[in-house]
Amino acid sequence: MKSRIARYFLMGAGMLTLAGTPALFAGDLGRDYAHVRRENADIRRDQYRFHEDLEHGRYYRAARERADLNRDYRERNAQARDIRRDERWRY
């Protein structure tokens, strides 16, 4: 009898835990959107520097800026995927 009650109790507690897990991760949407805004500002700044370097013949610096732009694009896309996942689990 006691093992049956314990089993039902643990099963109920586990189901409540699983049901609340997505809500824990969905609470950071505001921070995620702020991070995307910062990434977009950084991308615009890097694009300006990249075009300035190309215009003035600083090709080595332009290559570094291009690598930085590619990294920023990857970070922004990863953040966008995270936002979509969080919105999918939002209640």
N, C-alpha and C. Protein backbone atom coordinates (compact mmCIF):
# COMPACT_ATOMS: atom_id res chain seq x y z
N MET A 1 0.81 -1.20 0.00
CA MET A 1 0.00 0.00 0.00
C MET A 1 0.86 1.26 0.00
N LYS A 2 1.87 1.27 0.88
CA LYS A 2 2.71 2.46 0.97
C LYS A 2 3.48 2.69 -0.33
N SER A 3 3.94 1.63 -0.96
CA SER A 3 4.71 1.79 -2.19
C SER A 3 3.82 2.33 -3.31
N ARG A 4 2.56 1.95 -3.33
CA ARG A 4 1.64 2.44 -4.34
C ARG A 4 1.42 3.95 -4.16
N ILE A 5 1.22 4.39 -2.93
CA ILE A 5 1.03 5.82 -2.65
C ILE A 5 2.28 6.60 -3.02
N ALA A 6 3.44 6.06 -2.66
CA ALA A 6 4.70 6.73 -2.99
C ALA A 6 4.88 6.82 -4.50
N ARG A 7 4.52 5.74 -5.19
CA ARG A 7 4.66 5.73 -6.64
C ARG A 7 3.76 6.79 -7.29
N TYR A 8 2.51 6.88 -6.84
CA TYR A 8 1.60 7.90 -7.37
C TYR A 8 2.07 9.31 -7.04
N PHE A 9 2.57 9.48 -5.83
CA PHE A 9 3.07 10.79 -5.43
C PHE A 9 4.26 11.20 -6.30
N LEU A 10 5.21 10.30 -6.49
CA LEU A 10 6.38 10.62 -7.32
C LEU A 10 6.00 10.84 -8.77
N MET A 11 5.04 10.07 -9.25
CA MET A 11 4.59 10.26 -10.63
C MET A 11 3.92 11.63 -10.79
N GLY A 12 3.10 12.04 -9.84
CA GLY A 12 2.46 13.36 -9.90
C GLY A 12 3.46 14.48 -9.79
N ALA A 13 4.44 14.32 -8.90
CA ALA A 13 5.47 15.36 -8.76
C ALA A 13 6.30 15.47 -10.03
N GLY A 14 6.61 14.35 -10.65
CA GLY A 14 7.36 14.36 -11.90
C GLY A 14 6.60 15.03 -13.02
N MET A 15 5.30 14.77 -13.10
CA MET A 15 4.49 15.39 -14.15
C MET A 15 4.39 16.90 -13.94
N LEU A 16 4.26 17.33 -12.70
CA LEU A 16 4.23 18.77 -12.43
C LEU A 16 5.55 19.43 -12.79
N THR A 17 6.64 18.74 -12.51
CA THR A 17 7.96 19.27 -12.84
C THR A 17 8.12 19.41 -14.35
N LEU A 18 7.73 18.39 -15.09
CA LEU A 18 7.85 18.45 -16.54
C LEU A 18 6.93 19.50 -17.14
N ALA A 19 5.77 19.69 -16.55
CA ALA A 19 4.83 20.67 -17.09
C ALA A 19 5.34 22.09 -16.86
N GLY A 20 6.09 22.33 -15.79
CA GLY A 20 6.56 23.68 -15.49
C GLY A 20 7.90 24.02 -16.12
N THR A 21 8.61 23.05 -16.66
CA THR A 21 9.94 23.29 -17.20
C THR A 21 9.95 24.30 -18.35
N PRO A 22 9.08 24.21 -19.36
CA PRO A 22 9.14 25.19 -20.45
C PRO A 22 8.88 26.61 -19.96
N ALA A 23 8.08 26.77 -18.94
CA ALA A 23 7.79 28.11 -18.43
C ALA A 23 9.04 28.75 -17.83
N LEU A 24 9.93 27.93 -17.29
CA LEU A 24 11.16 28.48 -16.73
C LEU A 24 12.03 29.10 -17.80
N PHE A 25 12.06 28.48 -18.97
CA PHE A 25 12.93 28.96 -20.04
C PHE A 25 12.26 30.05 -20.88
N ALA A 26 10.97 30.19 -20.80
CA ALA A 26 10.27 31.18 -21.61
C ALA A 26 10.31 32.56 -20.98
N GLY A 27 10.82 32.69 -19.76
CA GLY A 27 10.81 33.97 -19.07
C GLY A 27 11.88 34.94 -19.51
N ASP A 28 12.80 34.52 -20.33
CA ASP A 28 13.91 35.40 -20.69
C ASP A 28 13.74 36.02 -22.07
N LEU A 29 12.52 36.15 -22.56
CA LEU A 29 12.30 36.72 -23.89
C LEU A 29 12.73 38.18 -23.96
N GLY A 30 12.49 38.93 -22.92
CA GLY A 30 12.89 40.34 -22.92
C GLY A 30 14.39 40.49 -23.07
N ARG A 31 15.14 39.65 -22.34
CA ARG A 31 16.60 39.70 -22.47
C ARG A 31 17.03 39.25 -23.85
N ASP A 32 16.34 38.26 -24.41
CA ASP A 32 16.69 37.77 -25.74
C ASP A 32 16.49 38.86 -26.80
N TYR A 33 15.35 39.56 -26.72
CA TYR A 33 15.10 40.63 -27.68
C TYR A 33 16.10 41.77 -27.52
N ALA A 34 16.49 42.09 -26.29
CA ALA A 34 17.49 43.12 -26.06
C ALA A 34 18.84 42.70 -26.65
N HIS A 35 19.16 41.41 -26.51
CA HIS A 35 20.41 40.91 -27.08
C HIS A 35 20.40 41.02 -28.60
N VAL A 36 19.27 40.73 -29.23
CA VAL A 36 19.16 40.84 -30.69
C VAL A 36 19.32 42.30 -31.11
N ARG A 37 18.71 43.23 -30.36
CA ARG A 37 18.88 44.66 -30.69
C ARG A 37 20.35 45.07 -30.60
N ARG A 38 21.06 44.60 -29.57
CA ARG A 38 22.49 44.92 -29.46
C ARG A 38 23.28 44.30 -30.60
N GLU A 39 22.94 43.07 -30.95
CA GLU A 39 23.63 42.42 -32.08
C GLU A 39 23.39 43.18 -33.38
N ASN A 40 22.15 43.63 -33.62
CA ASN A 40 21.86 44.39 -34.83
C ASN A 40 22.64 45.69 -34.87
N ALA A 41 22.76 46.37 -33.73
CA ALA A 41 23.54 47.61 -33.68
C ALA A 41 25.01 47.32 -33.96
N ASP A 42 25.51 46.22 -33.41
CA ASP A 42 26.90 45.84 -33.65
C ASP A 42 27.13 45.49 -35.11
N ILE A 43 26.17 44.82 -35.72
CA ILE A 43 26.29 44.46 -37.14
C ILE A 43 26.31 45.72 -38.00
N ARG A 44 25.42 46.68 -37.71
CA ARG A 44 25.42 47.93 -38.48
C ARG A 44 26.74 48.68 -38.35
N ARG A 45 27.29 48.71 -37.13
CA ARG A 45 28.56 49.39 -36.90
C ARG A 45 29.68 48.68 -37.66
N ASP A 46 29.70 47.35 -37.61
CA ASP A 46 30.73 46.59 -38.32
C ASP A 46 30.59 46.72 -39.84
N GLN A 47 29.36 46.78 -40.33
CA GLN A 47 29.16 46.97 -41.77
C GLN A 47 29.72 48.33 -42.21
N TYR A 48 29.49 49.36 -41.41
CA TYR A 48 30.01 50.69 -41.74
C TYR A 48 31.54 50.65 -41.78
N ARG A 49 32.15 50.04 -40.76
CA ARG A 49 33.62 49.95 -40.72
C ARG A 49 34.14 49.13 -41.90
N PHE A 50 33.45 48.06 -42.23
CA PHE A 50 33.86 47.20 -43.33
C PHE A 50 33.88 47.97 -44.65
N HIS A 51 32.81 48.71 -44.91
CA HIS A 51 32.75 49.47 -46.16
C HIS A 51 33.76 50.61 -46.17
N GLU A 52 33.99 51.22 -45.03
CA GLU A 52 35.01 52.26 -44.95
C GLU A 52 36.40 51.69 -45.23
N ASP A 53 36.70 50.53 -44.67
CA ASP A 53 38.00 49.90 -44.91
C ASP A 53 38.18 49.54 -46.37
N LEU A 54 37.14 49.02 -47.00
CA LEU A 54 37.24 48.69 -48.43
C LEU A 54 37.43 49.95 -49.26
N GLU A 55 36.72 51.00 -48.91
CA GLU A 55 36.79 52.24 -49.67
C GLU A 55 38.17 52.87 -49.60
N HIS A 56 38.85 52.72 -48.48
CA HIS A 56 40.16 53.33 -48.29
C HIS A 56 41.32 52.37 -48.51
N GLY A 57 41.03 51.17 -49.02
CA GLY A 57 42.09 50.23 -49.39
C GLY A 57 42.70 49.48 -48.22
N ARG A 58 42.06 49.43 -47.10
CA ARG A 58 42.58 48.70 -45.93
C ARG A 58 41.98 47.29 -45.95
N TYR A 59 42.52 46.48 -46.82
CA TYR A 59 41.93 45.17 -47.09
C TYR A 59 42.14 44.18 -45.95
N TYR A 60 43.27 44.27 -45.24
CA TYR A 60 43.49 43.37 -44.11
C TYR A 60 42.47 43.67 -43.00
N ARG A 61 42.26 44.93 -42.70
CA ARG A 61 41.27 45.30 -41.70
C ARG A 61 39.86 44.94 -42.16
N ALA A 62 39.61 45.07 -43.46
CA ALA A 62 38.30 44.70 -44.00
C ALA A 62 38.05 43.20 -43.82
N ALA A 63 39.09 42.40 -44.00
CA ALA A 63 38.95 40.95 -43.82
C ALA A 63 38.62 40.63 -42.35
N ARG A 64 39.26 41.35 -41.44
CA ARG A 64 38.95 41.13 -40.01
C ARG A 64 37.52 41.56 -39.69
N GLU A 65 37.11 42.68 -40.26
CA GLU A 65 35.73 43.13 -40.05
C GLU A 65 34.73 42.13 -40.62
N ARG A 66 35.06 41.56 -41.77
CA ARG A 66 34.17 40.58 -42.38
C ARG A 66 34.04 39.34 -41.50
N ALA A 67 35.17 38.90 -40.92
CA ALA A 67 35.12 37.76 -40.00
C ALA A 67 34.27 38.11 -38.77
N ASP A 68 34.40 39.34 -38.28
CA ASP A 68 33.60 39.78 -37.14
C ASP A 68 32.12 39.83 -37.51
N LEU A 69 31.83 40.29 -38.71
CA LEU A 69 30.44 40.32 -39.18
C LEU A 69 29.85 38.91 -39.25
N ASN A 70 30.63 37.98 -39.78
CA ASN A 70 30.14 36.60 -39.87
C ASN A 70 29.85 36.02 -38.49
N ARG A 71 30.72 36.32 -37.52
CA ARG A 71 30.49 35.84 -36.15
C ARG A 71 29.22 36.48 -35.59
N ASP A 72 29.04 37.79 -35.83
CA ASP A 72 27.84 38.47 -35.33
C ASP A 72 26.57 37.91 -35.97
N TYR A 73 26.64 37.60 -37.26
CA TYR A 73 25.48 37.00 -37.93
C TYR A 73 25.12 35.65 -37.30
N ARG A 74 26.16 34.83 -37.04
CA ARG A 74 25.90 33.53 -36.42
C ARG A 74 25.28 33.68 -35.04
N GLU A 75 25.81 34.63 -34.24
CA GLU A 75 25.25 34.84 -32.90
C GLU A 75 23.81 35.33 -32.97
N ARG A 76 23.53 36.25 -33.90
CA ARG A 76 22.17 36.77 -34.03
C ARG A 76 21.21 35.67 -34.48
N ASN A 77 21.64 34.83 -35.41
CA ASN A 77 20.78 33.74 -35.88
C ASN A 77 20.53 32.73 -34.77
N ALA A 78 21.55 32.45 -33.98
CA ALA A 78 21.36 31.53 -32.84
C ALA A 78 20.38 32.13 -31.84
N GLN A 79 20.49 33.43 -31.60
CA GLN A 79 19.58 34.09 -30.67
C GLN A 79 18.14 34.07 -31.23
N ALA A 80 18.00 34.26 -32.54
CA ALA A 80 16.67 34.22 -33.15
C ALA A 80 16.06 32.82 -33.02
N ARG A 81 16.89 31.78 -33.18
CA ARG A 81 16.38 30.42 -32.98
C ARG A 81 15.94 30.22 -31.54
N ASP A 82 16.70 30.76 -30.60
CA ASP A 82 16.34 30.65 -29.19
C ASP A 82 15.02 31.36 -28.91
N ILE A 83 14.82 32.52 -29.51
CA ILE A 83 13.57 33.27 -29.32
C ILE A 83 12.39 32.48 -29.88
N ARG A 84 12.56 31.92 -31.08
CA ARG A 84 11.48 31.12 -31.67
C ARG A 84 11.13 29.92 -30.79
N ARG A 85 12.17 29.27 -30.24
CA ARG A 85 11.92 28.12 -29.37
C ARG A 85 11.19 28.57 -28.10
N ASP A 86 11.62 29.70 -27.51
CA ASP A 86 10.97 30.19 -26.30
C ASP A 86 9.53 30.58 -26.57
N GLU A 87 9.27 31.20 -27.72
CA GLU A 87 7.90 31.59 -28.03
C GLU A 87 7.02 30.37 -28.29
N ARG A 88 7.61 29.33 -28.82
CA ARG A 88 6.84 28.12 -29.07
C ARG A 88 6.39 27.48 -27.76
N TRP A 89 7.20 27.60 -26.70
CA TRP A 89 6.88 26.99 -25.42
C TRP A 89 6.16 27.95 -24.48
N ARG A 90 5.92 29.16 -24.92
CA ARG A 90 5.23 30.13 -24.06
C ARG A 90 3.78 29.73 -23.88
N TYR A 91 3.26 30.00 -22.72
CA TYR A 91 1.85 29.66 -22.44
C TYR A 91 1.00 30.87 -22.56
